[in-house]
Amino acid sequence: MLWLIGIGIHGYEGISIYALDILKRCDIVYIERFTSALSDDDIQGLNSLIGKNGNRIIPVERWFVEDGREILEKAKNKDIALLAYGDPLIATTLTELHVRAVKNCIKVNIIHAASGITSLIGETGLHIYKFGRTVTMMSEQQSTVSVYNTIFDNLLAGSHTLILTEYNNKHNKLFFLDPIYLFNMLLEVEKDLNHKAFSEETFIIVASRVGTKQEKIISGKVKSLKDLNFGTGPHSVIITGLLHFTESDALTTLTYNVNKPIDNTLNIQKISVSMVQRYVPKAKHAIEQMRSIIGEEDKNLPGNKGSFEVLDNAEYYIDDAERFLKQGKLEVAVLSIGYAEGLIDALRFQKGINP
């Protein structure tokens, strides 16, 4: 049998009596330390609580759990436990192990516990059903664009974004990604993409060491928090979306609040909307310039009549784009302005004009 057991968020002291009773009866107990930090003191504390000679808890690395073959093979004939920080089925690696065990006809029992994710959301006072997709920020730069796009998509829906930050424990050396690094990387992406999803005016929440005696939750604008020392991790960052008044009240009351909560969705627009709004004035100006260059007085000259008909059709497409935008038919609006610019460009190349 395989037992997947959550320790909770309060170290070894937070484990349930039921879980301890199971652990005392297991043949082998593994503990993973890659989803979040578990200290040597926690492992020693768990060993002392189990209090069974020879049944020592064995720390294992990510590759061991991802490979899973040794765990599953032993679980066919013995009672095997795998301990995890928080709730065991929040980590996708353990979920995958669960699926493989069931497919191999190995009985699996789950002992759930408090999750760090739900706990930190609850402590901020935000409504959990208003959160969009959760994402993890890694130290590798390529992860930043994915995080930025997730924030953007969630803000379009009015939703909050929970950003988990990188943690690893290689060779007993703990690494926690600092929130300041996260701020700076997202600000750099904003310069490139310019979707107004993240700026120094963005209201954020930084939750550090939730569940420990050193827990601290700070909220405010990026410009007010970017020079703070958040201490050791783990850290999580929340980008708030559309706030209910009870959420705003909770943030000013329950967190160390530096700035009054604001609505981060006010300046956010769908990319298609910003495209149409940006290109319509440019297309109109180009048409005016081309009419002027060709010359209204020469409108009926051979070759020019057709040119003005092309410009008329381009204007019709621009009108369509503005109408579709008001109707919320965004894809058709983009197509319409695209047709207009196509006609303008075709005429420009034909006439050798650069309006």
Protein backbone atom coordinates (compact mmCIF):
# COMPACT_ATOMS: atom_id res chain seq x y z
CA MET A 1 0.00 0.00 0.00
CA LEU A 2 1.11 3.55 -0.73
CA TRP A 3 0.29 6.39 1.63
CA LEU A 4 0.57 9.98 0.35
CA ILE A 5 0.58 12.14 3.46
CA GLY A 6 0.55 15.90 3.85
CA ILE A 7 2.45 17.47 6.73
CA GLY A 8 0.66 20.83 6.51
CA ILE A 9 2.33 24.23 6.75
CA HIS A 10 3.46 24.32 10.39
CA GLY A 11 6.43 21.98 10.23
CA TYR A 12 6.48 18.65 12.01
CA GLU A 13 4.28 20.02 14.82
CA GLY A 14 1.37 20.45 12.40
CA ILE A 15 1.06 16.83 11.32
CA SER A 16 -2.19 15.15 12.31
CA ILE A 17 -2.53 12.45 14.95
CA TYR A 18 -4.11 10.21 12.33
CA ALA A 19 -1.08 10.62 10.05
CA LEU A 20 1.32 9.85 12.91
CA ASP A 21 -0.55 6.67 13.71
CA ILE A 22 -0.21 5.55 10.08
CA LEU A 23 3.49 6.42 9.94
CA LYS A 24 4.21 4.30 13.01
CA ARG A 25 2.80 1.29 11.15
CA CYS A 26 4.53 1.87 7.81
CA ASP A 27 7.52 -0.20 6.76
CA ILE A 28 9.27 2.66 4.97
CA VAL A 29 8.69 6.42 5.20
CA TYR A 30 10.04 8.76 2.53
CA ILE A 31 9.90 12.55 2.64
CA GLU A 32 10.29 14.90 -0.31
CA ARG A 33 11.83 18.36 0.11
CA PHE A 34 11.55 19.76 -3.40
CA THR A 35 8.04 21.26 -3.32
CA SER A 36 8.89 23.44 -0.32
CA ALA A 37 11.47 23.85 2.40
CA LEU A 38 11.50 21.30 5.20
CA SER A 39 14.32 21.76 7.68
CA ASP A 40 16.49 19.08 9.23
CA ASP A 41 14.81 19.96 12.54
CA ASP A 42 11.43 19.08 11.02
CA ILE A 43 12.71 15.70 9.89
CA GLN A 44 14.27 15.03 13.29
CA GLY A 45 11.04 16.10 14.96
CA LEU A 46 9.02 13.71 12.80
CA ASN A 47 11.41 10.90 13.59
CA SER A 48 11.01 11.55 17.31
CA LEU A 49 7.21 11.60 17.00
CA ILE A 50 7.15 8.29 15.15
CA GLY A 51 9.43 6.88 17.82
CA LYS A 52 10.07 3.54 16.19
CA ASN A 53 13.60 2.21 15.92
CA GLY A 54 14.57 1.34 12.39
CA ASN A 55 11.66 3.27 10.89
CA ARG A 56 13.69 6.33 10.09
CA ILE A 57 12.35 8.88 7.63
CA ILE A 58 14.30 8.86 4.38
CA PRO A 59 14.67 12.22 2.55
CA VAL A 60 14.43 11.81 -1.23
CA GLU A 61 15.12 14.14 -4.13
CA ARG A 62 12.81 15.09 -6.99
CA TRP A 63 14.31 12.57 -9.45
CA PHE A 64 13.58 9.71 -7.04
CA VAL A 65 9.89 10.60 -6.81
CA GLU A 66 9.59 11.39 -10.52
CA ASP A 67 11.18 8.05 -11.38
CA GLY A 68 8.95 6.40 -8.79
CA ARG A 69 9.83 2.82 -9.67
CA GLU A 70 11.42 1.95 -6.34
CA ILE A 71 8.51 3.46 -4.41
CA LEU A 72 5.90 1.61 -6.45
CA GLU A 73 7.75 -1.69 -6.42
CA LYS A 74 8.03 -1.68 -2.63
CA ALA A 75 4.42 -0.54 -2.24
CA LYS A 76 3.24 -3.77 -3.87
CA ASN A 77 4.19 -5.80 -0.79
CA LYS A 78 4.83 -3.26 1.97
CA ASP A 79 3.23 -0.23 3.56
CA ILE A 80 5.10 2.74 2.10
CA ALA A 81 4.52 6.38 3.03
CA LEU A 82 5.59 9.49 1.11
CA LEU A 83 5.46 12.71 3.11
CA ALA A 84 5.06 16.11 1.47
CA TYR A 85 4.86 19.69 2.67
CA GLY A 86 1.34 21.10 2.65
CA ASP A 87 -1.25 18.95 0.91
CA PRO A 88 0.24 15.98 -0.97
CA LEU A 89 -1.87 16.35 -4.10
CA ILE A 90 -1.06 20.01 -4.76
CA ALA A 91 2.29 18.90 -6.24
CA THR A 92 1.81 17.52 -9.77
CA THR A 93 4.72 15.08 -9.28
CA LEU A 94 2.86 13.31 -6.48
CA THR A 95 -0.37 13.31 -8.49
CA GLU A 96 1.45 11.56 -11.32
CA LEU A 97 2.80 8.99 -8.84
CA HIS A 98 -0.73 8.47 -7.54
CA VAL A 99 -2.00 7.76 -11.07
CA ARG A 100 0.82 5.31 -11.79
CA ALA A 101 0.16 3.45 -8.54
CA VAL A 102 -3.54 3.01 -9.33
CA LYS A 103 -2.73 1.82 -12.86
CA ASN A 104 -0.43 -0.79 -11.30
CA CYS A 105 -3.22 -1.99 -9.00
CA ILE A 106 -1.46 -0.63 -5.91
CA LYS A 107 -3.81 0.58 -3.23
CA VAL A 108 -3.31 4.25 -2.39
CA ASN A 109 -4.58 6.18 0.60
CA ILE A 110 -4.35 9.96 0.93
CA ILE A 111 -4.11 12.02 4.11
CA HIS A 112 -4.77 15.62 3.23
CA ALA A 113 -3.44 18.62 5.13
CA ALA A 114 -3.42 22.41 4.98
CA SER A 115 -1.96 23.75 1.73
CA GLY A 116 0.37 26.72 1.63
CA ILE A 117 -1.48 28.01 -1.43
CA THR A 118 -4.94 28.13 0.12
CA SER A 119 -3.48 29.31 3.42
CA LEU A 120 -1.74 32.36 2.02
CA ILE A 121 -4.79 33.31 -0.03
CA GLY A 122 -6.96 33.01 3.06
CA GLU A 123 -4.62 35.11 5.17
CA THR A 124 -4.74 38.00 2.70
CA GLY A 125 -8.54 38.09 2.89
CA LEU A 126 -8.92 37.76 -0.88
CA HIS A 127 -11.78 35.66 -2.26
CA ILE A 128 -10.37 32.36 -3.50
CA TYR A 129 -12.92 32.02 -6.30
CA LYS A 130 -11.63 35.27 -7.85
CA PHE A 131 -8.21 33.82 -8.66
CA GLY A 132 -7.24 32.96 -12.20
CA ARG A 133 -4.46 30.69 -13.38
CA THR A 134 -1.56 30.19 -10.95
CA VAL A 135 1.98 30.41 -12.32
CA THR A 136 5.55 29.87 -11.07
CA MET A 137 8.35 32.38 -11.56
CA MET A 138 11.76 30.81 -12.14
CA SER A 139 15.16 32.46 -12.18
CA GLU A 140 15.54 31.64 -15.89
CA GLN A 141 14.53 34.66 -17.95
CA GLN A 142 12.41 32.67 -20.38
CA SER A 143 9.83 31.99 -17.66
CA THR A 144 9.15 35.71 -17.23
CA VAL A 145 7.16 36.15 -20.45
CA SER A 146 4.87 33.26 -19.48
CA VAL A 147 4.31 34.82 -16.05
CA TYR A 148 3.62 38.23 -17.63
CA ASN A 149 1.12 36.78 -20.12
CA THR A 150 -0.67 34.95 -17.32
CA ILE A 151 -1.01 38.20 -15.36
CA PHE A 152 -2.33 39.91 -18.49
CA ASP A 153 -4.91 37.19 -19.22
CA ASN A 154 -6.08 37.10 -15.60
CA LEU A 155 -6.42 40.90 -15.44
CA LEU A 156 -8.55 40.86 -18.60
CA ALA A 157 -10.93 38.57 -16.70
CA GLY A 158 -10.71 40.74 -13.57
CA SER A 159 -9.00 37.90 -11.72
CA HIS A 160 -6.14 37.82 -9.21
CA THR A 161 -2.86 36.08 -10.12
CA LEU A 162 -0.92 33.96 -7.64
CA ILE A 163 2.76 33.73 -8.53
CA LEU A 164 4.73 31.02 -6.78
CA THR A 165 8.48 31.66 -6.74
CA GLU A 166 11.30 29.24 -7.40
CA TYR A 167 12.65 27.19 -4.53
CA ASN A 168 15.23 24.45 -4.59
CA ASN A 169 17.37 22.54 -2.15
CA LYS A 170 20.42 21.24 -3.98
CA HIS A 171 23.20 19.72 -1.93
CA ASN A 172 21.52 21.08 1.23
CA LYS A 173 21.80 24.64 -0.08
CA LEU A 174 18.47 26.44 0.00
CA PHE A 175 17.57 28.87 -2.76
CA PHE A 176 14.52 31.14 -2.67
CA LEU A 177 13.80 33.52 -5.54
CA ASP A 178 13.68 37.07 -4.19
CA PRO A 179 10.52 39.09 -4.99
CA ILE A 180 12.71 42.02 -6.06
CA TYR A 181 14.07 39.88 -8.91
CA LEU A 182 10.50 39.08 -9.94
CA PHE A 183 9.56 42.78 -9.98
CA ASN A 184 12.54 43.77 -12.09
CA MET A 185 12.07 40.99 -14.63
CA LEU A 186 8.38 41.76 -15.11
CA LEU A 187 9.14 45.47 -15.52
CA GLU A 188 11.62 44.57 -18.26
CA VAL A 189 9.00 42.48 -20.09
CA GLU A 190 6.51 45.34 -19.77
CA LYS A 191 8.96 47.59 -21.65
CA ASP A 192 8.97 45.11 -24.54
CA LEU A 193 5.30 44.07 -24.69
CA ASN A 194 3.67 47.23 -23.31
CA HIS A 195 0.31 45.61 -22.49
CA LYS A 196 0.08 47.62 -19.24
CA ALA A 197 -0.10 44.43 -17.18
CA PHE A 198 2.69 45.36 -14.76
CA SER A 199 4.26 48.65 -13.74
CA GLU A 200 5.60 50.46 -10.69
CA GLU A 201 1.98 51.54 -10.03
CA THR A 202 0.71 47.94 -9.91
CA PHE A 203 -0.75 46.93 -6.54
CA ILE A 204 0.74 43.67 -5.28
CA ILE A 205 0.94 41.41 -2.24
CA VAL A 206 4.08 39.62 -1.10
CA ALA A 207 3.48 36.70 1.29
CA SER A 208 6.62 35.35 2.95
CA ARG A 209 7.11 32.26 5.12
CA VAL A 210 3.38 31.59 5.53
CA GLY A 211 2.71 29.12 8.33
CA THR A 212 5.89 29.93 10.26
CA LYS A 213 6.45 32.21 13.22
CA GLN A 214 8.31 34.58 10.86
CA GLU A 215 5.32 34.97 8.52
CA LYS A 216 4.88 38.41 6.96
CA ILE A 217 2.41 39.62 4.35
CA ILE A 218 3.04 43.04 2.80
CA SER A 219 0.82 44.86 0.29
CA GLY A 220 1.31 48.02 -1.73
CA LYS A 221 2.44 49.38 -5.08
CA VAL A 222 5.54 47.98 -6.74
CA LYS A 223 7.32 51.33 -6.43
CA SER A 224 6.84 51.21 -2.65
CA LEU A 225 7.94 47.60 -2.22
CA LYS A 226 10.77 47.24 -4.74
CA ASP A 227 13.48 48.37 -2.30
CA LEU A 228 12.34 46.35 0.73
CA ASN A 229 14.18 43.39 2.22
CA PHE A 230 11.71 40.50 2.29
CA GLY A 231 14.09 38.15 4.08
CA THR A 232 14.38 34.45 3.42
CA GLY A 233 11.67 32.51 1.59
CA PRO A 234 9.54 30.92 0.59
CA HIS A 235 7.81 33.90 -1.05
CA SER A 236 4.65 34.18 -3.09
CA VAL A 237 3.39 37.24 -4.95
CA ILE A 238 -0.21 38.13 -5.78
CA ILE A 239 -1.20 40.60 -8.50
CA THR A 240 -4.72 41.66 -7.61
CA GLY A 241 -7.44 42.09 -10.20
CA LEU A 242 -10.83 43.68 -9.65
CA LEU A 243 -11.21 44.02 -5.87
CA HIS A 244 -14.46 43.63 -3.95
CA PHE A 245 -14.79 46.21 -1.18
CA THR A 246 -14.48 43.46 1.44
CA GLU A 247 -11.18 42.38 -0.13
CA SER A 248 -9.84 45.95 -0.01
CA ASP A 249 -10.87 46.20 3.62
CA ALA A 250 -9.17 42.89 4.42
CA LEU A 251 -5.92 43.95 2.72
CA THR A 252 -5.69 47.18 4.71
CA THR A 253 -6.54 45.35 7.93
CA LEU A 254 -4.84 41.95 7.68
CA THR A 255 -1.64 42.80 5.80
CA TYR A 256 1.16 45.27 6.38
CA ASN A 257 -0.35 47.75 3.96
CA VAL A 258 1.84 50.46 2.42
CA ASN A 259 -0.53 51.88 -0.22
CA LYS A 260 -4.29 51.91 -0.56
CA PRO A 261 -5.49 48.98 -2.73
CA ILE A 262 -6.32 49.94 -6.31
CA ASP A 263 -7.94 48.29 -9.31
CA ASN A 264 -5.15 46.90 -11.51
CA THR A 265 -7.59 46.22 -14.36
CA LEU A 266 -8.33 49.88 -15.17
CA ASN A 267 -5.62 50.26 -17.83
CA ILE A 268 -5.77 46.75 -19.21
CA GLN A 269 -7.07 46.16 -22.74
CA LYS A 270 -7.32 43.20 -25.04
CA ILE A 271 -4.53 43.23 -27.59
CA SER A 272 -7.06 43.32 -30.43
CA VAL A 273 -8.68 46.46 -28.95
CA SER A 274 -5.38 48.29 -28.60
CA MET A 275 -4.40 47.25 -32.14
CA VAL A 276 -7.55 48.71 -33.69
CA GLN A 277 -7.32 51.88 -31.59
CA ARG A 278 -3.68 52.33 -32.58
CA TYR A 279 -4.04 51.63 -36.32
CA VAL A 280 -7.30 53.44 -37.11
CA PRO A 281 -5.88 56.99 -36.62
CA LYS A 282 -2.74 56.06 -38.58
CA ALA A 283 -4.79 54.68 -41.48
CA LYS A 284 -7.03 57.75 -41.57
CA HIS A 285 -4.01 60.02 -41.62
CA ALA A 286 -2.41 58.00 -44.41
CA ILE A 287 -5.57 58.32 -46.53
CA GLU A 288 -5.66 62.08 -46.02
CA GLN A 289 -2.04 62.37 -47.02
CA MET A 290 -2.52 60.25 -50.14
CA ARG A 291 -5.57 62.23 -51.25
CA SER A 292 -3.52 65.37 -50.87
CA ILE A 293 -0.52 63.98 -52.74
CA ILE A 294 -2.55 62.60 -55.66
CA GLY A 295 -4.55 65.83 -55.77
CA GLU A 296 -8.32 66.18 -55.46
CA GLU A 297 -8.39 68.42 -58.55
CA ASP A 298 -6.89 65.60 -60.60
CA LYS A 299 -9.44 63.09 -59.32
CA ASN A 300 -10.94 62.43 -62.75
CA LEU A 301 -7.68 62.07 -64.63
CA PRO A 302 -7.01 58.63 -66.16
CA GLY A 303 -5.63 56.33 -63.48
CA ASN A 304 -6.49 58.62 -60.58
CA LYS A 305 -10.21 57.80 -60.47
CA GLY A 306 -9.44 54.21 -59.58
CA SER A 307 -6.99 55.37 -56.91
CA PHE A 308 -9.64 57.43 -55.16
CA GLU A 309 -12.06 54.50 -55.32
CA VAL A 310 -9.45 52.39 -53.55
CA LEU A 311 -9.09 55.06 -50.85
CA ASP A 312 -12.90 55.24 -50.50
CA ASN A 313 -13.02 51.48 -49.94
CA ALA A 314 -10.22 51.73 -47.38
CA GLU A 315 -12.29 54.32 -45.49
CA TYR A 316 -15.30 52.00 -45.56
CA TYR A 317 -13.17 49.28 -43.97
CA ILE A 318 -11.97 51.72 -41.29
CA ASP A 319 -15.60 52.60 -40.50
CA ASP A 320 -16.37 48.88 -40.28
CA ALA A 321 -13.46 48.38 -37.88
CA GLU A 322 -14.70 51.14 -35.55
CA ARG A 323 -18.27 49.81 -35.66
CA PHE A 324 -17.23 46.22 -34.98
CA LEU A 325 -15.03 47.42 -32.10
CA LYS A 326 -18.03 49.11 -30.46
CA GLN A 327 -20.07 45.93 -30.96
CA GLY A 328 -17.39 43.82 -29.29
CA LYS A 329 -16.68 41.89 -32.50
CA LEU A 330 -12.96 42.19 -32.00
CA GLU A 331 -11.67 39.63 -34.50
CA VAL A 332 -13.73 41.16 -37.32
CA ALA A 333 -12.59 44.64 -36.28
CA VAL A 334 -8.94 43.59 -36.61
CA LEU A 335 -9.64 42.01 -40.00
CA SER A 336 -11.34 45.19 -41.21
CA ILE A 337 -8.50 47.50 -40.28
CA GLY A 338 -6.14 44.95 -41.83
CA TYR A 339 -8.07 45.12 -45.12
CA ALA A 340 -7.94 48.93 -45.00
CA GLU A 341 -4.18 48.98 -44.49
CA GLY A 342 -3.76 46.39 -47.24
CA LEU A 343 -5.54 48.65 -49.73
CA ILE A 344 -3.53 51.68 -48.63
CA ASP A 345 -0.25 49.80 -48.94
CA ALA A 346 -1.16 48.38 -52.36
CA LEU A 347 -1.95 51.87 -53.68
CA ARG A 348 1.18 53.30 -52.10
CA PHE A 349 3.38 50.75 -53.85
CA GLN A 350 1.58 51.31 -57.17
CA LYS A 351 1.99 55.08 -57.01
CA GLY A 352 5.38 55.12 -55.35
CA ILE A 353 3.95 57.22 -52.51
CA ASN A 354 5.12 57.16 -48.91
CA PRO A 355 2.41 59.07 -46.98
